[in-house]
Amino acid sequence: MSLREALPKIVTGTLPGPKGQEIMDRRAKAVPNGIGTAYKAVIKRGEGAMFEDVDGNIFLDWIGGVGVLNIGYSNPECIEAVKEQADKFFHSMFNITTHEGYVALAEKMNEIVPVKGDQKKTMFVCSGSEADENAVKIARNYTGRPNIIVFTGAFQRDWHYNILCPLREYTEKQCKSRQRDRCIQHIIDMSLNLREWCQYSRISGKAKCQKHIGKKSD
């Protein structure tokens, strides 16, 4: 049976297994603590929605690379496309040299994306954070409006504007003392994620968190 068709199973009793733990220990010494990990699994290979760790445990992956692997691991068509491209060139910045693949994919996206307008244009970025960042810049430039609406306690991605929006607070007096387009205000208080946000916030502080959630933090 291929890994693609396998069912989840744990063969080590505990997670991570011995081989995985060794790599996790190496990770702790070599990689900053700021880069967390959600699961105690060290992936070895993957097929479809399943992956196997270095100890032979098999998992059903509900995350899919935070959504970027919605076609599954080791998709045969993708593997062939990567191999074909690797024989030509690995990478070239599109703002340095134009490559036809980028243009062809942009044309395809312009045909299928459900947005208004007869003429559409597409750009590609490396992450959701970069996408949010550019969306804010484009919207502010197009509309001429300086302010944006953000959600307190929500995850706005981790880029320049997106870091400032959910965490940085200005009083009314401070806002008036700055240029209007530099003043980012909290518009909507999203209490759903406040408790979790408070645990990690280093700006608002514990006392303020307690005030927001009406209960002492753990």
C-alpha atoms as a PDB file:
ATOM      1  CA  MET A   1       0.000   0.000   0.000  1.00  0.00           C
ATOM      2  CA  SER A   2       1.321   3.440  -0.908  1.00  0.00           C
ATOM      3  CA  LEU A   3       1.614   6.188   1.683  1.00  0.00           C
ATOM      4  CA  ARG A   4      -1.090   8.076  -0.204  1.00  0.00           C
ATOM      5  CA  GLU A   5      -3.573   5.296   0.643  1.00  0.00           C
ATOM      6  CA  ALA A   6      -2.341   4.548   4.181  1.00  0.00           C
ATOM      7  CA  LEU A   7      -4.222   5.210   7.414  1.00  0.00           C
ATOM      8  CA  PRO A   8      -2.767   7.177  10.321  1.00  0.00           C
ATOM      9  CA  LYS A   9      -0.785   5.167  12.874  1.00  0.00           C
ATOM     10  CA  ILE A  10       1.655   5.788  15.711  1.00  0.00           C
ATOM     11  CA  VAL A  11       4.361   3.145  16.104  1.00  0.00           C
ATOM     12  CA  THR A  12       6.627   4.830  18.639  1.00  0.00           C
ATOM     13  CA  GLY A  13       4.149   5.129  21.538  1.00  0.00           C
ATOM     14  CA  THR A  14       5.118   8.746  22.202  1.00  0.00           C
ATOM     15  CA  LEU A  15       5.746  11.748  19.989  1.00  0.00           C
ATOM     16  CA  PRO A  16       8.214  12.606  18.835  1.00  0.00           C
ATOM     17  CA  GLY A  17       9.919   9.239  18.476  1.00  0.00           C
ATOM     18  CA  PRO A  18      13.643   8.831  19.233  1.00  0.00           C
ATOM     19  CA  LYS A  19      14.849   9.937  15.783  1.00  0.00           C
ATOM     20  CA  GLY A  20      12.434  12.837  15.763  1.00  0.00           C
ATOM     21  CA  GLN A  21      13.451  13.912  19.264  1.00  0.00           C
ATOM     22  CA  GLU A  22      17.106  13.953  18.246  1.00  0.00           C
ATOM     23  CA  ILE A  23      16.318  16.315  15.364  1.00  0.00           C
ATOM     24  CA  MET A  24      14.069  18.455  17.583  1.00  0.00           C
ATOM     25  CA  ASP A  25      16.931  18.774  20.084  1.00  0.00           C
ATOM     26  CA  ARG A  26      19.244  19.866  17.273  1.00  0.00           C
ATOM     27  CA  ARG A  27      16.592  22.331  16.150  1.00  0.00           C
ATOM     28  CA  ALA A  28      16.413  23.866  19.645  1.00  0.00           C
ATOM     29  CA  LYS A  29      20.165  24.539  19.536  1.00  0.00           C
ATOM     30  CA  ALA A  30      20.362  25.763  15.950  1.00  0.00           C
ATOM     31  CA  VAL A  31      17.101  27.677  15.336  1.00  0.00           C
ATOM     32  CA  PRO A  32      15.740  30.723  17.261  1.00  0.00           C
ATOM     33  CA  ASN A  33      12.873  30.016  19.676  1.00  0.00           C
ATOM     34  CA  GLY A  34      10.757  32.623  17.920  1.00  0.00           C
ATOM     35  CA  ILE A  35      10.121  30.140  15.117  1.00  0.00           C
ATOM     36  CA  GLY A  36       7.693  27.811  16.842  1.00  0.00           C
ATOM     37  CA  THR A  37       6.336  24.457  15.746  1.00  0.00           C
ATOM     38  CA  ALA A  38       2.747  23.274  16.062  1.00  0.00           C
ATOM     39  CA  TYR A  39       3.287  19.523  16.175  1.00  0.00           C
ATOM     40  CA  LYS A  40       5.947  17.193  17.507  1.00  0.00           C
ATOM     41  CA  ALA A  41       6.565  15.535  14.164  1.00  0.00           C
ATOM     42  CA  VAL A  42       9.622  15.563  11.887  1.00  0.00           C
ATOM     43  CA  ILE A  43       8.438  14.866   8.369  1.00  0.00           C
ATOM     44  CA  LYS A  44      10.360  12.433   6.168  1.00  0.00           C
ATOM     45  CA  ARG A  45       8.092  12.106   3.140  1.00  0.00           C
ATOM     46  CA  GLY A  46       4.530  12.826   2.083  1.00  0.00           C
ATOM     47  CA  GLU A  47       1.978  11.667  -0.467  1.00  0.00           C
ATOM     48  CA  GLY A  48      -1.483  13.102  -0.972  1.00  0.00           C
ATOM     49  CA  ALA A  49      -2.894  14.089   2.431  1.00  0.00           C
ATOM     50  CA  MET A  50      -0.600  11.730   4.376  1.00  0.00           C
ATOM     51  CA  PHE A  51       2.940  12.141   5.648  1.00  0.00           C
ATOM     52  CA  GLU A  52       5.404   9.880   7.415  1.00  0.00           C
ATOM     53  CA  ASP A  53       7.852  11.086  10.040  1.00  0.00           C
ATOM     54  CA  VAL A  54      11.446   9.953  10.515  1.00  0.00           C
ATOM     55  CA  ASP A  55      10.342   7.289  13.031  1.00  0.00           C
ATOM     56  CA  GLY A  56       7.737   5.696  10.758  1.00  0.00           C
ATOM     57  CA  ASN A  57       4.633   7.286  12.299  1.00  0.00           C
ATOM     58  CA  ILE A  58       1.965   8.176   9.732  1.00  0.00           C
ATOM     59  CA  PHE A  59      -0.237  11.261   9.976  1.00  0.00           C
ATOM     60  CA  LEU A  60      -3.244  12.682   8.182  1.00  0.00           C
ATOM     61  CA  ASP A  61      -2.227  16.270   7.449  1.00  0.00           C
ATOM     62  CA  TRP A  62      -5.071  18.721   8.076  1.00  0.00           C
ATOM     63  CA  ILE A  63      -2.841  21.779   7.587  1.00  0.00           C
ATOM     64  CA  GLY A  64      -1.373  21.345   4.103  1.00  0.00           C
ATOM     65  CA  GLY A  65       1.469  23.800   4.541  1.00  0.00           C
ATOM     66  CA  VAL A  66      -1.037  26.356   5.874  1.00  0.00           C
ATOM     67  CA  GLY A  67      -3.117  25.929   2.748  1.00  0.00           C
ATOM     68  CA  VAL A  68      -0.413  25.991   0.078  1.00  0.00           C
ATOM     69  CA  LEU A  69      -0.498  22.210  -0.405  1.00  0.00           C
ATOM     70  CA  ASN A  70      -4.162  21.937  -1.303  1.00  0.00           C
ATOM     71  CA  ILE A  71      -3.189  19.566  -4.124  1.00  0.00           C
ATOM     72  CA  GLY A  72      -1.443  17.281  -1.628  1.00  0.00           C
ATOM     73  CA  TYR A  73       2.122  16.122  -1.130  1.00  0.00           C
ATOM     74  CA  SER A  74       4.173  14.812  -4.064  1.00  0.00           C
ATOM     75  CA  ASN A  75       1.565  15.545  -6.702  1.00  0.00           C
ATOM     76  CA  PRO A  76       2.888  13.815  -9.854  1.00  0.00           C
ATOM     77  CA  GLU A  77       2.069  16.734 -12.172  1.00  0.00           C
ATOM     78  CA  CYS A  78       3.853  19.182  -9.873  1.00  0.00           C
ATOM     79  CA  ILE A  79       6.895  16.910  -9.595  1.00  0.00           C
ATOM     80  CA  GLU A  80       7.227  16.739 -13.367  1.00  0.00           C
ATOM     81  CA  ALA A  81       6.781  20.511 -13.699  1.00  0.00           C
ATOM     82  CA  VAL A  82       9.494  21.151 -11.082  1.00  0.00           C
ATOM     83  CA  LYS A  83      11.896  18.742 -12.790  1.00  0.00           C
ATOM     84  CA  GLU A  84      11.280  20.349 -16.168  1.00  0.00           C
ATOM     85  CA  GLN A  85      11.827  23.839 -14.781  1.00  0.00           C
ATOM     86  CA  ALA A  86      14.964  22.821 -12.871  1.00  0.00           C
ATOM     87  CA  ASP A  87      16.631  21.890 -16.163  1.00  0.00           C
ATOM     88  CA  LYS A  88      16.092  25.480 -17.372  1.00  0.00           C
ATOM     89  CA  PHE A  89      16.673  27.777 -14.378  1.00  0.00           C
ATOM     90  CA  PHE A  90      15.734  27.711 -10.705  1.00  0.00           C
ATOM     91  CA  HIS A  91      14.891  31.328 -10.018  1.00  0.00           C
ATOM     92  CA  SER A  92      14.993  34.824 -11.432  1.00  0.00           C
ATOM     93  CA  MET A  93      13.433  37.884  -9.851  1.00  0.00           C
ATOM     94  CA  PHE A  94      10.585  39.059 -12.086  1.00  0.00           C
ATOM     95  CA  ASN A  95      11.510  42.681 -11.477  1.00  0.00           C
ATOM     96  CA  ILE A  96      14.998  41.883 -12.806  1.00  0.00           C
ATOM     97  CA  THR A  97      14.244  39.619 -15.772  1.00  0.00           C
ATOM     98  CA  THR A  98      10.878  38.705 -17.268  1.00  0.00           C
ATOM     99  CA  HIS A  99      10.078  34.999 -17.559  1.00  0.00           C
ATOM    100  CA  GLU A 100       7.206  33.612 -19.588  1.00  0.00           C
ATOM    101  CA  GLY A 101       5.872  31.285 -16.878  1.00  0.00           C
ATOM    102  CA  TYR A 102       4.998  34.223 -14.635  1.00  0.00           C
ATOM    103  CA  VAL A 103       3.185  35.975 -17.463  1.00  0.00           C
ATOM    104  CA  ALA A 104       1.275  32.819 -18.457  1.00  0.00           C
ATOM    105  CA  LEU A 105       0.120  32.187 -14.884  1.00  0.00           C
ATOM    106  CA  ALA A 106      -0.942  35.830 -14.489  1.00  0.00           C
ATOM    107  CA  GLU A 107      -2.973  35.540 -17.683  1.00  0.00           C
ATOM    108  CA  LYS A 108      -4.632  32.394 -16.376  1.00  0.00           C
ATOM    109  CA  MET A 109      -5.485  34.028 -13.054  1.00  0.00           C
ATOM    110  CA  ASN A 110      -6.928  37.046 -14.847  1.00  0.00           C
ATOM    111  CA  GLU A 111      -9.291  34.736 -16.707  1.00  0.00           C
ATOM    112  CA  ILE A 112     -10.674  32.948 -13.652  1.00  0.00           C
ATOM    113  CA  VAL A 113     -10.521  35.245 -10.601  1.00  0.00           C
ATOM    114  CA  PRO A 114     -14.047  36.393  -9.585  1.00  0.00           C
ATOM    115  CA  VAL A 115     -13.425  40.143  -9.357  1.00  0.00           C
ATOM    116  CA  LYS A 116     -15.122  43.050 -11.080  1.00  0.00           C
ATOM    117  CA  GLY A 117     -13.814  44.689 -14.208  1.00  0.00           C
ATOM    118  CA  ASP A 118     -13.094  43.678 -17.778  1.00  0.00           C
ATOM    119  CA  GLN A 119      -9.354  44.205 -17.490  1.00  0.00           C
ATOM    120  CA  LYS A 120      -7.490  42.546 -14.632  1.00  0.00           C
ATOM    121  CA  LYS A 121      -3.879  42.293 -13.568  1.00  0.00           C
ATOM    122  CA  THR A 122      -2.172  39.821 -11.238  1.00  0.00           C
ATOM    123  CA  MET A 123       1.023  39.916  -9.192  1.00  0.00           C
ATOM    124  CA  PHE A 124       2.499  37.045  -7.215  1.00  0.00           C
ATOM    125  CA  VAL A 125       4.133  37.284  -3.802  1.00  0.00           C
ATOM    126  CA  CYS A 126       5.862  34.889  -1.438  1.00  0.00           C
ATOM    127  CA  SER A 127       3.472  34.859   1.528  1.00  0.00           C
ATOM    128  CA  GLY A 128       0.139  35.961   2.926  1.00  0.00           C
ATOM    129  CA  SER A 129       1.980  38.641   4.885  1.00  0.00           C
ATOM    130  CA  GLU A 130       3.412  40.144   1.722  1.00  0.00           C
ATOM    131  CA  ALA A 131       0.012  39.912   0.033  1.00  0.00           C
ATOM    132  CA  ASP A 132      -1.657  41.801   2.906  1.00  0.00           C
ATOM    133  CA  GLU A 133       1.105  44.395   2.941  1.00  0.00           C
ATOM    134  CA  ASN A 134       0.757  45.138  -0.766  1.00  0.00           C
ATOM    135  CA  ALA A 135      -3.052  45.116  -0.586  1.00  0.00           C
ATOM    136  CA  VAL A 136      -2.927  47.845   2.074  1.00  0.00           C
ATOM    137  CA  LYS A 137      -0.484  49.949   0.067  1.00  0.00           C
ATOM    138  CA  ILE A 138      -2.435  49.561  -3.178  1.00  0.00           C
ATOM    139  CA  ALA A 139      -5.790  50.328  -1.518  1.00  0.00           C
ATOM    140  CA  ARG A 140      -4.479  53.430   0.240  1.00  0.00           C
ATOM    141  CA  ASN A 141      -2.842  54.717  -2.923  1.00  0.00           C
ATOM    142  CA  TYR A 142      -5.910  54.066  -5.089  1.00  0.00           C
ATOM    143  CA  THR A 143      -8.517  55.476  -2.713  1.00  0.00           C
ATOM    144  CA  GLY A 144      -6.433  58.249  -1.216  1.00  0.00           C
ATOM    145  CA  ARG A 145      -7.781  57.264   2.201  1.00  0.00           C
ATOM    146  CA  PRO A 146      -5.119  57.162   4.929  1.00  0.00           C
ATOM    147  CA  ASN A 147      -6.678  54.834   7.501  1.00  0.00           C
ATOM    148  CA  ILE A 148      -7.490  51.137   7.477  1.00  0.00           C
ATOM    149  CA  ILE A 149      -9.753  48.973   9.652  1.00  0.00           C
ATOM    150  CA  VAL A 150      -8.098  46.202  11.630  1.00  0.00           C
ATOM    151  CA  PHE A 151      -9.270  43.707  14.244  1.00  0.00           C
ATOM    152  CA  THR A 152      -7.795  43.832  17.738  1.00  0.00           C
ATOM    153  CA  GLY A 153      -6.560  40.379  18.686  1.00  0.00           C
ATOM    154  CA  ALA A 154      -6.820  38.985  15.163  1.00  0.00           C
ATOM    155  CA  PHE A 155      -3.902  37.693  13.092  1.00  0.00           C
ATOM    156  CA  GLN A 156      -3.128  40.277  10.410  1.00  0.00           C
ATOM    157  CA  ARG A 157       0.000  38.435   9.206  1.00  0.00           C
ATOM    158  CA  ASP A 158       3.514  39.543  10.170  1.00  0.00           C
ATOM    159  CA  TRP A 159       4.610  42.342   7.888  1.00  0.00           C
ATOM    160  CA  HIS A 160       5.241  46.065   8.413  1.00  0.00           C
ATOM    161  CA  TYR A 161       1.686  47.450   8.448  1.00  0.00           C
ATOM    162  CA  ASN A 162       0.258  44.178   9.687  1.00  0.00           C
ATOM    163  CA  ILE A 163       2.476  44.126  12.763  1.00  0.00           C
ATOM    164  CA  LEU A 164       1.592  47.705  13.628  1.00  0.00           C
ATOM    165  CA  CYS A 165      -2.148  47.352  13.116  1.00  0.00           C
ATOM    166  CA  PRO A 166      -3.213  44.823  15.778  1.00  0.00           C
ATOM    167  CA  LEU A 167      -0.647  45.662  18.456  1.00  0.00           C
ATOM    168  CA  ARG A 168       0.301  49.349  18.329  1.00  0.00           C
ATOM    169  CA  GLU A 169      -2.118  51.640  20.136  1.00  0.00           C
ATOM    170  CA  TYR A 170      -2.287  55.418  19.992  1.00  0.00           C
ATOM    171  CA  THR A 171      -4.319  57.674  22.260  1.00  0.00           C
ATOM    172  CA  GLU A 172      -6.405  60.443  20.682  1.00  0.00           C
ATOM    173  CA  LYS A 173      -3.832  62.988  21.756  1.00  0.00           C
ATOM    174  CA  GLN A 174      -1.000  60.981  20.243  1.00  0.00           C
ATOM    175  CA  CYS A 175      -2.967  60.557  17.024  1.00  0.00           C
ATOM    176  CA  LYS A 176      -3.426  64.315  16.656  1.00  0.00           C
ATOM    177  CA  SER A 177       0.285  64.851  17.165  1.00  0.00           C
ATOM    178  CA  ARG A 178       1.148  62.584  14.238  1.00  0.00           C
ATOM    179  CA  GLN A 179       0.332  62.789  10.578  1.00  0.00           C
ATOM    180  CA  ARG A 180      -3.100  61.277  10.003  1.00  0.00           C
ATOM    181  CA  ASP A 181      -1.786  58.624   7.645  1.00  0.00           C
ATOM    182  CA  ARG A 182       0.648  57.461  10.337  1.00  0.00           C
ATOM    183  CA  CYS A 183      -2.075  56.975  12.921  1.00  0.00           C
ATOM    184  CA  ILE A 184      -3.339  53.413  13.069  1.00  0.00           C
ATOM    185  CA  GLN A 185      -6.302  53.021  15.391  1.00  0.00           C
ATOM    186  CA  HIS A 186      -8.146  50.055  16.781  1.00  0.00           C
ATOM    187  CA  ILE A 187     -11.624  50.080  15.252  1.00  0.00           C
ATOM    188  CA  ILE A 188     -13.091  46.718  16.209  1.00  0.00           C
ATOM    189  CA  ASP A 189     -12.326  44.713  19.361  1.00  0.00           C
ATOM    190  CA  MET A 190     -12.371  41.016  18.509  1.00  0.00           C
ATOM    191  CA  SER A 191     -12.570  39.274  21.883  1.00  0.00           C
ATOM    192  CA  LEU A 192     -12.523  35.815  20.301  1.00  0.00           C
ATOM    193  CA  ASN A 193      -8.725  35.756  20.173  1.00  0.00           C
ATOM    194  CA  LEU A 194      -7.955  38.194  22.976  1.00  0.00           C
ATOM    195  CA  ARG A 195      -7.078  35.626  25.606  1.00  0.00           C
ATOM    196  CA  GLU A 196      -4.589  33.868  23.364  1.00  0.00           C
ATOM    197  CA  TRP A 197      -3.238  37.183  22.094  1.00  0.00           C
ATOM    198  CA  CYS A 198      -2.684  38.421  25.652  1.00  0.00           C
ATOM    199  CA  GLN A 199      -0.460  35.448  26.441  1.00  0.00           C
ATOM    200  CA  TYR A 200       1.990  36.529  23.754  1.00  0.00           C
ATOM    201  CA  SER A 201       1.600  40.303  23.804  1.00  0.00           C
ATOM    202  CA  ARG A 202       4.631  42.176  25.080  1.00  0.00           C
ATOM    203  CA  ILE A 203       3.127  45.593  24.399  1.00  0.00           C
ATOM    204  CA  SER A 204      -0.186  45.811  26.206  1.00  0.00           C
ATOM    205  CA  GLY A 205       0.986  44.017  29.333  1.00  0.00           C
ATOM    206  CA  LYS A 206      -0.765  41.640  31.710  1.00  0.00           C
ATOM    207  CA  ALA A 207      -2.830  44.247  33.545  1.00  0.00           C
ATOM    208  CA  LYS A 208      -4.352  45.573  30.356  1.00  0.00           C
ATOM    209  CA  CYS A 209      -5.104  42.053  29.182  1.00  0.00           C
ATOM    210  CA  GLN A 210      -6.956  41.346  32.405  1.00  0.00           C
ATOM    211  CA  LYS A 211      -9.009  44.480  31.904  1.00  0.00           C
ATOM    212  CA  HIS A 212      -9.954  43.478  28.363  1.00  0.00           C
ATOM    213  CA  ILE A 213     -11.006  39.920  29.110  1.00  0.00           C
ATOM    214  CA  GLY A 214     -12.493  40.647  32.540  1.00  0.00           C
ATOM    215  CA  LYS A 215     -10.617  37.823  34.157  1.00  0.00           C
ATOM    216  CA  LYS A 216      -7.151  37.178  35.491  1.00  0.00           C
ATOM    217  CA  SER A 217      -4.776  35.704  32.953  1.00  0.00           C
ATOM    218  CA  ASP A 218      -3.321  32.278  33.613  1.00  0.00           C
END
